[in-house]
PDB file of N, CA and C in Angstrom:
ATOM      1  N   MET A   1      98.017 105.279  50.463  1.00  0.00           N
ATOM      2  CA  MET A   1      97.969 104.949  51.878  1.00  0.00           C
ATOM      3  C   MET A   1      97.836 103.436  52.025  1.00  0.00           C
ATOM      4  N   PRO A   2      98.667 102.811  52.870  1.00  0.00           N
ATOM      5  CA  PRO A   2      98.592 101.367  53.021  1.00  0.00           C
ATOM      6  C   PRO A   2      97.286 100.941  53.687  1.00  0.00           C
ATOM      7  N   GLU A   3      96.829  99.766  53.318  1.00  0.00           N
ATOM      8  CA  GLU A   3      95.613  99.225  53.888  1.00  0.00           C
ATOM      9  C   GLU A   3      95.904  98.624  55.261  1.00  0.00           C
ATOM     10  N   ILE A   4      95.022  98.867  56.179  1.00  0.00           N
ATOM     11  CA  ILE A   4      95.165  98.287  57.516  1.00  0.00           C
ATOM     12  C   ILE A   4      94.572  96.888  57.482  1.00  0.00           C
ATOM     13  N   GLN A   5      95.373  95.916  57.838  1.00  0.00           N
ATOM     14  CA  GLN A   5      94.970  94.521  57.715  1.00  0.00           C
ATOM     15  C   GLN A   5      94.251  93.981  58.956  1.00  0.00           C
ATOM     16  N   ASP A   6      94.731  94.283  60.125  1.00  0.00           N
ATOM     17  CA  ASP A   6      94.219  93.652  61.336  1.00  0.00           C
ATOM     18  C   ASP A   6      93.888  94.723  62.377  1.00  0.00           C
ATOM     19  N   THR A   7      92.681  95.234  62.311  1.00  0.00           N
ATOM     20  CA  THR A   7      92.305  96.323  63.220  1.00  0.00           C
ATOM     21  C   THR A   7      92.280  95.879  64.680  1.00  0.00           C
ATOM     22  N   LYS A   8      91.944  94.626  64.936  1.00  0.00           N
ATOM     23  CA  LYS A   8      91.939  94.127  66.322  1.00  0.00           C
ATOM     24  C   LYS A   8      93.348  94.126  66.897  1.00  0.00           C
ATOM     25  N   ALA A   9      94.325  93.727  66.109  1.00  0.00           N
ATOM     26  CA  ALA A   9      95.714  93.725  66.578  1.00  0.00           C
ATOM     27  C   ALA A   9      96.195  95.147  66.834  1.00  0.00           C
ATOM     28  N   ILE A  10      95.801  96.063  65.968  1.00  0.00           N
ATOM     29  CA  ILE A  10      96.185  97.464  66.153  1.00  0.00           C
ATOM     30  C   ILE A  10      95.531  98.012  67.421  1.00  0.00           C
ATOM     31  N   GLN A  11      94.281  97.674  67.624  1.00  0.00           N
ATOM     32  CA  GLN A  11      93.576  98.118  68.826  1.00  0.00           C
ATOM     33  C   GLN A  11      94.250  97.585  70.087  1.00  0.00           C
ATOM     34  N   ARG A  12      94.629  96.306  70.079  1.00  0.00           N
ATOM     35  CA  ARG A  12      95.319  95.727  71.240  1.00  0.00           C
ATOM     36  C   ARG A  12      96.659  96.418  71.473  1.00  0.00           C
ATOM     37  N   ALA A  13      97.396  96.672  70.397  1.00  0.00           N
ATOM     38  CA  ALA A  13      98.692  97.342  70.522  1.00  0.00           C
ATOM     39  C   ALA A  13      98.517  98.755  71.057  1.00  0.00           C
ATOM     40  N   LEU A  14      97.509  99.448  70.573  1.00  0.00           N
ATOM     41  CA  LEU A  14      97.237 100.817  71.025  1.00  0.00           C
ATOM     42  C   LEU A  14      96.885 100.829  72.506  1.00  0.00           C
ATOM     43  N   LEU A  15      95.977  99.969  72.921  1.00  0.00           N
ATOM     44  CA  LEU A  15      95.584  99.922  74.328  1.00  0.00           C
ATOM     45  C   LEU A  15      96.750  99.507  75.217  1.00  0.00           C
ATOM     46  N   GLY A  16      97.557  98.553  74.753  1.00  0.00           N
ATOM     47  CA  GLY A  16      98.721  98.126  75.529  1.00  0.00           C
ATOM     48  C   GLY A  16      99.723  99.255  75.703  1.00  0.00           C
ATOM     49  N   SER A  17      99.955 100.001  74.644  1.00  0.00           N
ATOM     50  CA  SER A  17     100.881 101.126  74.711  1.00  0.00           C
ATOM     51  C   SER A  17     100.357 102.210  75.650  1.00  0.00           C
ATOM     52  N   LEU A  18      99.069 102.502  75.552  1.00  0.00           N
ATOM     53  CA  LEU A  18      98.470 103.503  76.441  1.00  0.00           C
ATOM     54  C   LEU A  18      98.490 103.040  77.895  1.00  0.00           C
ATOM     55  N   GLU A  19      98.248 101.760  78.116  1.00  0.00           N
ATOM     56  CA  GLU A  19      98.279 101.217  79.475  1.00  0.00           C
ATOM     57  C   GLU A  19      99.688 101.330  80.063  1.00  0.00           C
ATOM     58  N   ASP A  20     100.698 100.971  79.286  1.00  0.00           N
ATOM     59  CA  ASP A  20     102.081 101.075  79.759  1.00  0.00           C
ATOM     60  C   ASP A  20     102.444 102.517  80.090  1.00  0.00           C
ATOM     61  N   THR A  21     102.048 103.428  79.226  1.00  0.00           N
ATOM     62  CA  THR A  21     102.355 104.850  79.445  1.00  0.00           C
ATOM     63  C   THR A  21     101.590 105.379  80.658  1.00  0.00           C
ATOM     64  N   MET A  22     100.351 104.949  80.821  1.00  0.00           N
ATOM     65  CA  MET A  22      99.563 105.391  81.976  1.00  0.00           C
ATOM     66  C   MET A  22     100.198 104.909  83.278  1.00  0.00           C
ATOM     67  N   ARG A  23     100.765 103.721  83.292  1.00  0.00           N
ATOM     68  CA  ARG A  23     101.449 103.226  84.498  1.00  0.00           C
ATOM     69  C   ARG A  23     102.627 104.136  84.853  1.00  0.00           C
ATOM     70  N   ILE A  24     103.371 104.555  83.867  1.00  0.00           N
ATOM     71  CA  ILE A  24     104.491 105.479  84.101  1.00  0.00           C
ATOM     72  C   ILE A  24     103.967 106.809  84.635  1.00  0.00           C
ATOM     73  N   ILE A  25     102.879 107.286  84.061  1.00  0.00           N
ATOM     74  CA  ILE A  25     102.305 108.567  84.471  1.00  0.00           C
ATOM     75  C   ILE A  25     101.820 108.523  85.915  1.00  0.00           C
ATOM     76  N   VAL A  26     101.062 107.492  86.288  1.00  0.00           N
ATOM     77  CA  VAL A  26     100.522 107.467  87.651  1.00  0.00           C
ATOM     78  C   VAL A  26     101.635 107.294  88.682  1.00  0.00           C
ATOM     79  N   GLU A  27     102.675 106.556  88.335  1.00  0.00           N
ATOM     80  CA  GLU A  27     103.807 106.426  89.264  1.00  0.00           C
ATOM     81  C   GLU A  27     104.535 107.754  89.422  1.00  0.00           C
ATOM     82  N   ASP A  28     104.688 108.484  88.329  1.00  0.00           N
ATOM     83  CA  ASP A  28     105.308 109.809  88.403  1.00  0.00           C
ATOM     84  C   ASP A  28     104.455 110.751  89.248  1.00  0.00           C
ATOM     85  N   LEU A  29     103.156 110.752  88.991  1.00  0.00           N
ATOM     86  CA  LEU A  29     102.252 111.614  89.752  1.00  0.00           C
ATOM     87  C   LEU A  29     102.271 111.244  91.232  1.00  0.00           C
ATOM     88  N   LEU A  30     102.269 109.955  91.542  1.00  0.00           N
ATOM     89  CA  LEU A  30     102.336 109.537  92.939  1.00  0.00           C
ATOM     90  C   LEU A  30     103.596 110.073  93.602  1.00  0.00           C
ATOM     91  N   GLY A  31     104.718 109.963  92.942  1.00  0.00           N
ATOM     92  CA  GLY A  31     105.966 110.468  93.512  1.00  0.00           C
ATOM     93  C   GLY A  31     105.907 111.951  93.800  1.00  0.00           C
ATOM     94  N   ARG A  32     105.331 112.696  92.887  1.00  0.00           N
ATOM     95  CA  ARG A  32     105.202 114.147  93.083  1.00  0.00           C
ATOM     96  C   ARG A  32     104.237 114.460  94.225  1.00  0.00           C
ATOM     97  N   ALA A  33     103.123 113.724  94.289  1.00  0.00           N
ATOM     98  CA  ALA A  33     102.132 113.956  95.339  1.00  0.00           C
ATOM     99  C   ALA A  33     102.689 113.582  96.715  1.00  0.00           C
ATOM    100  N   VAL A  34     103.418 112.486  96.792  1.00  0.00           N
ATOM    101  CA  VAL A  34     104.030 112.078  98.063  1.00  0.00           C
ATOM    102  C   VAL A  34     105.000 113.153  98.537  1.00  0.00           C
ATOM    103  N   ARG A  35     105.780 113.676  97.617  1.00  0.00           N
ATOM    104  CA  ARG A  35     106.733 114.742  97.959  1.00  0.00           C
ATOM    105  C   ARG A  35     106.022 115.962  98.535  1.00  0.00           C
ATOM    106  N   ASP A  36     104.826 116.261  98.014  1.00  0.00           N
ATOM    107  CA  ASP A  36     104.101 117.470  98.424  1.00  0.00           C
ATOM    108  C   ASP A  36     103.093 117.238  99.544  1.00  0.00           C
ATOM    109  N   ALA A  37     102.804 115.987  99.883  1.00  0.00           N
ATOM    110  CA  ALA A  37     101.799 115.696 100.908  1.00  0.00           C
ATOM    111  C   ALA A  37     102.280 116.167 102.280  1.00  0.00           C
ATOM    112  N   PRO A  38     101.342 116.637 103.101  1.00  0.00           N
ATOM    113  CA  PRO A  38     101.714 117.022 104.461  1.00  0.00           C
ATOM    114  C   PRO A  38     102.315 115.838 105.212  1.00  0.00           C
ATOM    115  N   VAL A  39     103.222 116.148 106.106  1.00  0.00           N
ATOM    116  CA  VAL A  39     103.855 115.078 106.875  1.00  0.00           C
ATOM    117  C   VAL A  39     103.826 115.430 108.356  1.00  0.00           C
ATOM    118  N   ASP A  40     103.424 114.472 109.135  1.00  0.00           N
ATOM    119  CA  ASP A  40     103.558 114.552 110.588  1.00  0.00           C
ATOM    120  C   ASP A  40     104.400 113.345 110.996  1.00  0.00           C
ATOM    121  N   GLU A  41     103.841 112.153 110.782  1.00  0.00           N
ATOM    122  CA  GLU A  41     104.573 110.920 111.060  1.00  0.00           C
ATOM    123  C   GLU A  41     104.908 110.158 109.775  1.00  0.00           C
ATOM    124  N   GLY A  42     104.393 110.611 108.633  1.00  0.00           N
ATOM    125  CA  GLY A  42     104.660 109.960 107.365  1.00  0.00           C
ATOM    126  C   GLY A  42     103.598 108.976 106.920  1.00  0.00           C
ATOM    127  N   THR A  43     102.535 108.824 107.724  1.00  0.00           N
ATOM    128  CA  THR A  43     101.497 107.850 107.394  1.00  0.00           C
ATOM    129  C   THR A  43     100.768 108.214 106.107  1.00  0.00           C
ATOM    130  N   LEU A  44     100.407 109.477 105.952  1.00  0.00           N
ATOM    131  CA  LEU A  44      99.718 109.920 104.740  1.00  0.00           C
ATOM    132  C   LEU A  44     100.580 109.650 103.514  1.00  0.00           C
ATOM    133  N   ARG A  45     101.823 110.066 103.563  1.00  0.00           N
ATOM    134  CA  ARG A  45     102.716 109.864 102.423  1.00  0.00           C
ATOM    135  C   ARG A  45     102.889 108.383 102.103  1.00  0.00           C
ATOM    136  N   GLY A  46     102.926 107.557 103.107  1.00  0.00           N
ATOM    137  CA  GLY A  46     103.108 106.122 102.904  1.00  0.00           C
ATOM    138  C   GLY A  46     101.865 105.403 102.413  1.00  0.00           C
ATOM    139  N   SER A  47     100.720 106.071 102.443  1.00  0.00           N
ATOM    140  CA  SER A  47      99.469 105.413 102.059  1.00  0.00           C
ATOM    141  C   SER A  47      99.137 105.565 100.581  1.00  0.00           C
ATOM    142  N   GLY A  48      99.968 106.246  99.832  1.00  0.00           N
ATOM    143  CA  GLY A  48      99.691 106.463  98.417  1.00  0.00           C
ATOM    144  C   GLY A  48      99.812 105.197  97.600  1.00  0.00           C
ATOM    145  N   SER A  49      98.956 105.073  96.603  1.00  0.00           N
ATOM    146  CA  SER A  49      99.011 103.922  95.703  1.00  0.00           C
ATOM    147  C   SER A  49      98.483 104.317  94.326  1.00  0.00           C
ATOM    148  N   THR A  50      98.738 103.457  93.359  1.00  0.00           N
ATOM    149  CA  THR A  50      98.288 103.702  91.994  1.00  0.00           C
ATOM    150  C   THR A  50      97.559 102.483  91.457  1.00  0.00           C
ATOM    151  N   SER A  51      96.755 102.714  90.441  1.00  0.00           N
ATOM    152  CA  SER A  51      96.155 101.611  89.697  1.00  0.00           C
ATOM    153  C   SER A  51      95.917 102.077  88.268  1.00  0.00           C
ATOM    154  N   VAL A  52      95.934 101.123  87.370  1.00  0.00           N
ATOM    155  CA  VAL A  52      95.615 101.371  85.967  1.00  0.00           C
ATOM    156  C   VAL A  52      94.658 100.278  85.536  1.00  0.00           C
ATOM    157  N   GLU A  53      93.576 100.680  84.907  1.00  0.00           N
ATOM    158  CA  GLU A  53      92.570  99.722  84.459  1.00  0.00           C
ATOM    159  C   GLU A  53      92.224  99.969  82.999  1.00  0.00           C
ATOM    160  N   VAL A  54      91.925  98.898  82.305  1.00  0.00           N
ATOM    161  CA  VAL A  54      91.458  98.978  80.927  1.00  0.00           C
ATOM    162  C   VAL A  54      90.063  98.388  80.887  1.00  0.00           C
ATOM    163  N   HIS A  55      89.114  99.185  80.441  1.00  0.00           N
ATOM    164  CA  HIS A  55      87.728  98.734  80.270  1.00  0.00           C
ATOM    165  C   HIS A  55      87.329  99.048  78.841  1.00  0.00           C
ATOM    166  N   GLY A  56      87.175  98.029  78.056  1.00  0.00           N
ATOM    167  CA  GLY A  56      86.845  98.252  76.651  1.00  0.00           C
ATOM    168  C   GLY A  56      87.964  99.016  75.972  1.00  0.00           C
ATOM    169  N   ASN A  57      87.651 100.190  75.460  1.00  0.00           N
ATOM    170  CA  ASN A  57      88.632 101.032  74.778  1.00  0.00           C
ATOM    171  C   ASN A  57      89.136 102.164  75.661  1.00  0.00           C
ATOM    172  N   GLU A  58      88.933 102.072  76.954  1.00  0.00           N
ATOM    173  CA  GLU A  58      89.299 103.157  77.868  1.00  0.00           C
ATOM    174  C   GLU A  58      90.373 102.698  78.852  1.00  0.00           C
ATOM    175  N   VAL A  59      91.405 103.520  78.976  1.00  0.00           N
ATOM    176  CA  VAL A  59      92.479 103.280  79.937  1.00  0.00           C
ATOM    177  C   VAL A  59      92.365 104.361  81.007  1.00  0.00           C
ATOM    178  N   THR A  60      92.285 103.932  82.261  1.00  0.00           N
ATOM    179  CA  THR A  60      92.121 104.859  83.369  1.00  0.00           C
ATOM    180  C   THR A  60      93.240 104.656  84.385  1.00  0.00           C
ATOM    181  N   GLY A  61      93.850 105.752  84.802  1.00  0.00           N
ATOM    182  CA  GLY A  61      94.867 105.707  85.846  1.00  0.00           C
ATOM    183  C   GLY A  61      94.373 106.429  87.080  1.00  0.00           C
ATOM    184  N   THR A  62      94.695 105.899  88.246  1.00  0.00           N
ATOM    185  CA  THR A  62      94.233 106.469  89.502  1.00  0.00           C
ATOM    186  C   THR A  62      95.380 106.537  90.501  1.00  0.00           C
ATOM    187  N   VAL A  63      95.444 107.656  91.215  1.00  0.00           N
ATOM    188  CA  VAL A  63      96.357 107.816  92.342  1.00  0.00           C
ATOM    189  C   VAL A  63      95.489 108.083  93.556  1.00  0.00           C
ATOM    190  N   THR A  64      95.683 107.300  94.604  1.00  0.00           N
ATOM    191  CA  THR A  64      94.887 107.479  95.818  1.00  0.00           C
ATOM    192  C   THR A  64      95.789 107.467  97.041  1.00  0.00           C
ATOM    193  N   PHE A  65      95.259 108.051  98.101  1.00  0.00           N
ATOM    194  CA  PHE A  65      95.903 108.001  99.412  1.00  0.00           C
ATOM    195  C   PHE A  65      94.902 107.354 100.348  1.00  0.00           C
ATOM    196  N   GLY A  66      95.341 106.310 101.053  1.00  0.00           N
ATOM    197  CA  GLY A  66      94.425 105.427 101.748  1.00  0.00           C
ATOM    198  C   GLY A  66      94.190 105.673 103.220  1.00  0.00           C
ATOM    199  N   VAL A  67      94.425 106.860 103.696  1.00  0.00           N
ATOM    200  CA  VAL A  67      94.103 107.138 105.098  1.00  0.00           C
ATOM    201  C   VAL A  67      92.843 107.993 105.144  1.00  0.00           C
ATOM    202  N   PRO A  68      92.050 107.856 106.206  1.00  0.00           N
ATOM    203  CA  PRO A  68      90.768 108.563 106.261  1.00  0.00           C
ATOM    204  C   PRO A  68      90.880 110.084 106.169  1.00  0.00           C
ATOM    205  N   TYR A  69      91.984 110.636 106.572  1.00  0.00           N
ATOM    206  CA  TYR A  69      92.121 112.094 106.597  1.00  0.00           C
ATOM    207  C   TYR A  69      92.808 112.667 105.357  1.00  0.00           C
ATOM    208  N   ALA A  70      93.067 111.845 104.372  1.00  0.00           N
ATOM    209  CA  ALA A  70      93.774 112.299 103.166  1.00  0.00           C
ATOM    210  C   ALA A  70      93.018 113.424 102.465  1.00  0.00           C
ATOM    211  N   GLU A  71      91.717 113.265 102.296  1.00  0.00           N
ATOM    212  CA  GLU A  71      90.931 114.290 101.604  1.00  0.00           C
ATOM    213  C   GLU A  71      90.893 115.596 102.400  1.00  0.00           C
ATOM    214  N   VAL A  72      90.754 115.491 103.706  1.00  0.00           N
ATOM    215  CA  VAL A  72      90.718 116.696 104.548  1.00  0.00           C
ATOM    216  C   VAL A  72      92.029 117.453 104.415  1.00  0.00           C
ATOM    217  N   GLN A  73      93.146 116.751 104.487  1.00  0.00           N
ATOM    218  CA  GLN A  73      94.456 117.397 104.351  1.00  0.00           C
ATOM    219  C   GLN A  73      94.623 117.998 102.956  1.00  0.00           C
ATOM    220  N   HIS A  74      94.071 117.338 101.963  1.00  0.00           N
ATOM    221  CA  HIS A  74      94.178 117.830 100.589  1.00  0.00           C
ATOM    222  C   HIS A  74      93.389 119.113 100.386  1.00  0.00           C
ATOM    223  N   GLU A  75      92.197 119.166 100.926  1.00  0.00           N
ATOM    224  CA  GLU A  75      91.273 120.252 100.622  1.00  0.00           C
ATOM    225  C   GLU A  75      91.425 121.499 101.497  1.00  0.00           C
ATOM    226  N   HIS A  76      91.920 121.355 102.708  1.00  0.00           N
ATOM    227  CA  HIS A  76      91.949 122.497 103.626  1.00  0.00           C
ATOM    228  C   HIS A  76      93.234 123.305 103.470  1.00  0.00           C
ATOM    229  N   THR A  77      93.143 124.343 102.658  1.00  0.00           N
ATOM    230  CA  THR A  77      94.310 125.181 102.367  1.00  0.00           C
ATOM    231  C   THR A  77      94.722 126.049 103.555  1.00  0.00           C
ATOM    232  N   GLU A  78      93.844 126.159 104.542  1.00  0.00           N
ATOM    233  CA  GLU A  78      94.180 126.982 105.713  1.00  0.00           C
ATOM    234  C   GLU A  78      95.015 126.218 106.751  1.00  0.00           C
ATOM    235  N   PHE A  79      95.147 124.910 106.611  1.00  0.00           N
ATOM    236  CA  PHE A  79      95.945 124.138 107.566  1.00  0.00           C
ATOM    237  C   PHE A  79      97.418 124.513 107.453  1.00  0.00           C
ATOM    238  N   GLN A  80      98.085 124.509 108.574  1.00  0.00           N
ATOM    239  CA  GLN A  80      99.529 124.740 108.619  1.00  0.00           C
ATOM    240  C   GLN A  80     100.234 123.384 108.674  1.00  0.00           C
ATOM    241  N   HIS A  81     101.385 123.298 108.041  1.00  0.00           N
ATOM    242  CA  HIS A  81     102.131 122.045 107.980  1.00  0.00           C
ATOM    243  C   HIS A  81     103.588 122.319 108.374  1.00  0.00           C
ATOM    244  N   PRO A  82     103.830 122.440 109.675  1.00  0.00           N
ATOM    245  CA  PRO A  82     105.169 122.827 110.131  1.00  0.00           C
ATOM    246  C   PRO A  82     106.273 121.810 109.807  1.00  0.00           C
ATOM    247  N   LYS A  83     105.900 120.558 109.574  1.00  0.00           N
ATOM    248  CA  LYS A  83     106.913 119.545 109.244  1.00  0.00           C
ATOM    249  C   LYS A  83     107.048 119.340 107.738  1.00  0.00           C
ATOM    250  N   GLY A  84     106.330 120.128 106.946  1.00  0.00           N
ATOM    251  CA  GLY A  84     106.441 120.051 105.495  1.00  0.00           C
ATOM    252  C   GLY A  84     105.172 119.586 104.817  1.00  0.00           C
ATOM    253  N   GLY A  85     105.115 119.846 103.542  1.00  0.00           N
ATOM    254  CA  GLY A  85     103.966 119.464 102.741  1.00  0.00           C
ATOM    255  C   GLY A  85     102.983 120.599 102.603  1.00  0.00           C
ATOM    256  N   GLN A  86     101.911 120.321 101.901  1.00  0.00           N
ATOM    257  CA  GLN A  86     100.932 121.367 101.609  1.00  0.00           C
ATOM    258  C   GLN A  86      99.595 120.754 101.234  1.00  0.00           C
ATOM    259  N   ALA A  87      98.570 121.585 101.245  1.00  0.00           N
ATOM    260  CA  ALA A  87      97.264 121.186 100.731  1.00  0.00           C
ATOM    261  C   ALA A  87      97.367 121.051  99.214  1.00  0.00           C
ATOM    262  N   LYS A  88      96.383 120.440  98.620  1.00  0.00           N
ATOM    263  CA  LYS A  88      96.334 120.241  97.163  1.00  0.00           C
ATOM    264  C   LYS A  88      97.561 119.484  96.658  1.00  0.00           C
ATOM    265  N   TYR A  89      98.061 118.578  97.491  1.00  0.00           N
ATOM    266  CA  TYR A  89      99.288 117.837  97.180  1.00  0.00           C
ATOM    267  C   TYR A  89      99.146 116.903  95.987  1.00  0.00           C
ATOM    268  N   LEU A  90      97.932 116.557  95.619  1.00  0.00           N
ATOM    269  CA  LEU A  90      97.708 115.738  94.431  1.00  0.00           C
ATOM    270  C   LEU A  90      97.249 116.597  93.249  1.00  0.00           C
ATOM    271  N   GLU A  91      96.345 117.487  93.519  1.00  0.00           N
ATOM    272  CA  GLU A  91      95.809 118.355  92.465  1.00  0.00           C
ATOM    273  C   GLU A  91      96.886 119.254  91.857  1.00  0.00           C
ATOM    274  N   GLY A  92      97.746 119.810  92.691  1.00  0.00           N
ATOM    275  CA  GLY A  92      98.788 120.705  92.195  1.00  0.00           C
ATOM    276  C   GLY A  92      99.710 120.033  91.185  1.00  0.00           C
ATOM    277  N   PRO A  93     100.321 118.898  91.537  1.00  0.00           N
ATOM    278  CA  PRO A  93     101.181 118.221  90.561  1.00  0.00           C
ATOM    279  C   PRO A  93     100.433 117.754  89.312  1.00  0.00           C
ATOM    280  N   LEU A  94      99.187 117.330  89.463  1.00  0.00           N
ATOM    281  CA  LEU A  94      98.431 116.903  88.294  1.00  0.00           C
ATOM    282  C   LEU A  94      98.206 118.078  87.348  1.00  0.00           C
ATOM    283  N   THR A  95      97.805 119.204  87.892  1.00  0.00           N
ATOM    284  CA  THR A  95      97.592 120.398  87.069  1.00  0.00           C
ATOM    285  C   THR A  95      98.882 120.812  86.368  1.00  0.00           C
ATOM    286  N   GLU A  96      99.974 120.787  87.116  1.00  0.00           N
ATOM    287  CA  GLU A  96     101.272 121.172  86.562  1.00  0.00           C
ATOM    288  C   GLU A  96     101.724 120.229  85.449  1.00  0.00           C
ATOM    289  N   MET A  97     101.528 118.944  85.640  1.00  0.00           N
ATOM    290  CA  MET A  97     102.062 117.943  84.716  1.00  0.00           C
ATOM    291  C   MET A  97     101.087 117.511  83.624  1.00  0.00           C
ATOM    292  N   ALA A  98      99.840 117.911  83.695  1.00  0.00           N
ATOM    293  CA  ALA A  98      98.828 117.449  82.734  1.00  0.00           C
ATOM    294  C   ALA A  98      99.252 117.622  81.276  1.00  0.00           C
ATOM    295  N   PRO A  99      99.812 118.763  80.892  1.00  0.00           N
ATOM    296  CA  PRO A  99     100.228 118.877  79.481  1.00  0.00           C
ATOM    297  C   PRO A  99     101.281 117.839  79.095  1.00  0.00           C
ATOM    298  N   ARG A 100     102.221 117.557  79.967  1.00  0.00           N
ATOM    299  CA  ARG A 100     103.256 116.558  79.668  1.00  0.00           C
ATOM    300  C   ARG A 100     102.666 115.150  79.632  1.00  0.00           C
ATOM    301  N   TYR A 101     101.742 114.880  80.554  1.00  0.00           N
ATOM    302  CA  TYR A 101     101.110 113.566  80.572  1.00  0.00           C
ATOM    303  C   TYR A 101     100.299 113.350  79.287  1.00  0.00           C
ATOM    304  N   LYS A 102      99.550 114.366  78.866  1.00  0.00           N
ATOM    305  CA  LYS A 102      98.771 114.261  77.632  1.00  0.00           C
ATOM    306  C   LYS A 102      99.691 114.035  76.436  1.00  0.00           C
ATOM    307  N   GLN A 103     100.801 114.743  76.418  1.00  0.00           N
ATOM    308  CA  GLN A 103     101.764 114.590  75.326  1.00  0.00           C
ATOM    309  C   GLN A 103     102.343 113.166  75.312  1.00  0.00           C
ATOM    310  N   ALA A 104     102.650 112.634  76.482  1.00  0.00           N
ATOM    311  CA  ALA A 104     103.197 111.275  76.555  1.00  0.00           C
ATOM    312  C   ALA A 104     102.184 110.256  76.043  1.00  0.00           C
ATOM    313  N   LEU A 105     100.916 110.426  76.391  1.00  0.00           N
ATOM    314  CA  LEU A 105      99.886 109.509  75.907  1.00  0.00           C
ATOM    315  C   LEU A 105      99.707 109.636  74.394  1.00  0.00           C
ATOM    316  N   ALA A 106      99.748 110.855  73.900  1.00  0.00           N
ATOM    317  CA  ALA A 106      99.625 111.072  72.451  1.00  0.00           C
ATOM    318  C   ALA A 106     100.787 110.423  71.701  1.00  0.00           C
ATOM    319  N   LYS A 107     101.998 110.568  72.230  1.00  0.00           N
ATOM    320  CA  LYS A 107     103.169 109.953  71.594  1.00  0.00           C
ATOM    321  C   LYS A 107     103.062 108.429  71.610  1.00  0.00           C
ATOM    322  N   ALA A 108     102.613 107.879  72.736  1.00  0.00           N
ATOM    323  CA  ALA A 108     102.460 106.426  72.842  1.00  0.00           C
ATOM    324  C   ALA A 108     101.446 105.930  71.820  1.00  0.00           C
ATOM    325  N   ALA A 109     100.343 106.648  71.675  1.00  0.00           N
ATOM    326  CA  ALA A 109      99.320 106.260  70.705  1.00  0.00           C
ATOM    327  C   ALA A 109      99.873 106.346  69.284  1.00  0.00           C
ATOM    328  N   GLN A 110     100.563 107.426  68.992  1.00  0.00           N
ATOM    329  CA  GLN A 110     101.123 107.604  67.649  1.00  0.00           C
ATOM    330  C   GLN A 110     102.108 106.492  67.301  1.00  0.00           C
ATOM    331  N   LYS A 111     102.994 106.159  68.234  1.00  0.00           N
ATOM    332  CA  LYS A 111     103.969 105.095  67.977  1.00  0.00           C
ATOM    333  C   LYS A 111     103.280 103.749  67.761  1.00  0.00           C
ATOM    334  N   ALA A 112     102.268 103.464  68.568  1.00  0.00           N
ATOM    335  CA  ALA A 112     101.542 102.195  68.415  1.00  0.00           C
ATOM    336  C   ALA A 112     100.852 102.131  67.065  1.00  0.00           C
ATOM    337  N   LEU A 113     100.263 103.236  66.644  1.00  0.00           N
ATOM    338  CA  LEU A 113      99.578 103.260  65.352  1.00  0.00           C
ATOM    339  C   LEU A 113     100.556 103.142  64.198  1.00  0.00           C
ATOM    340  N   GLU A 114     101.704 103.765  64.325  1.00  0.00           N
ATOM    341  CA  GLU A 114     102.722 103.676  63.271  1.00  0.00           C
ATOM    342  C   GLU A 114     103.240 102.242  63.140  1.00  0.00           C
ATOM    343  N   ARG A 115     103.402 101.566  64.265  1.00  0.00           N
ATOM    344  CA  ARG A 115     103.861 100.177  64.214  1.00  0.00           C
ATOM    345  C   ARG A 115     102.812  99.262  63.602  1.00  0.00           C
ATOM    346  N   GLY A 116     101.538  99.647  63.718  1.00  0.00           N
ATOM    347  CA  GLY A 116     100.448  98.805  63.217  1.00  0.00           C
ATOM    348  C   GLY A 116     100.195  98.920  61.739  1.00  0.00           C
ATOM    349  N   ARG A 117     100.842  99.846  61.074  1.00  0.00           N
ATOM    350  CA  ARG A 117     100.621 100.024  59.628  1.00  0.00           C
ATOM    351  C   ARG A 117     101.309  98.969  58.836  1.00  0.00           C
TER     352      ARG A 117
END
């Protein structure tokens, strides 16, 4: 087995690869959530945003909707949406895509580690 020479460089490459992949993931999730979000005038759908942060060895991705009623629309499954959309517009796509997102992060990590050898 080859000796690893520069663990700091490998760590930076790994975090960079995970950060890049997380940006792709949160943008994909945002697109799916916007598609599924309830619509009246489009304000809720237009308020979606993403962020990716690296703190130490942790990469975190976030999808948010910035209107005060976003959580209410998300949580109340009894609401009717005659112009389209549904409750759980963020949770549903995340649950559906989680296995693919995890696989993408695992592949990104593996490729970064292979390049670091």
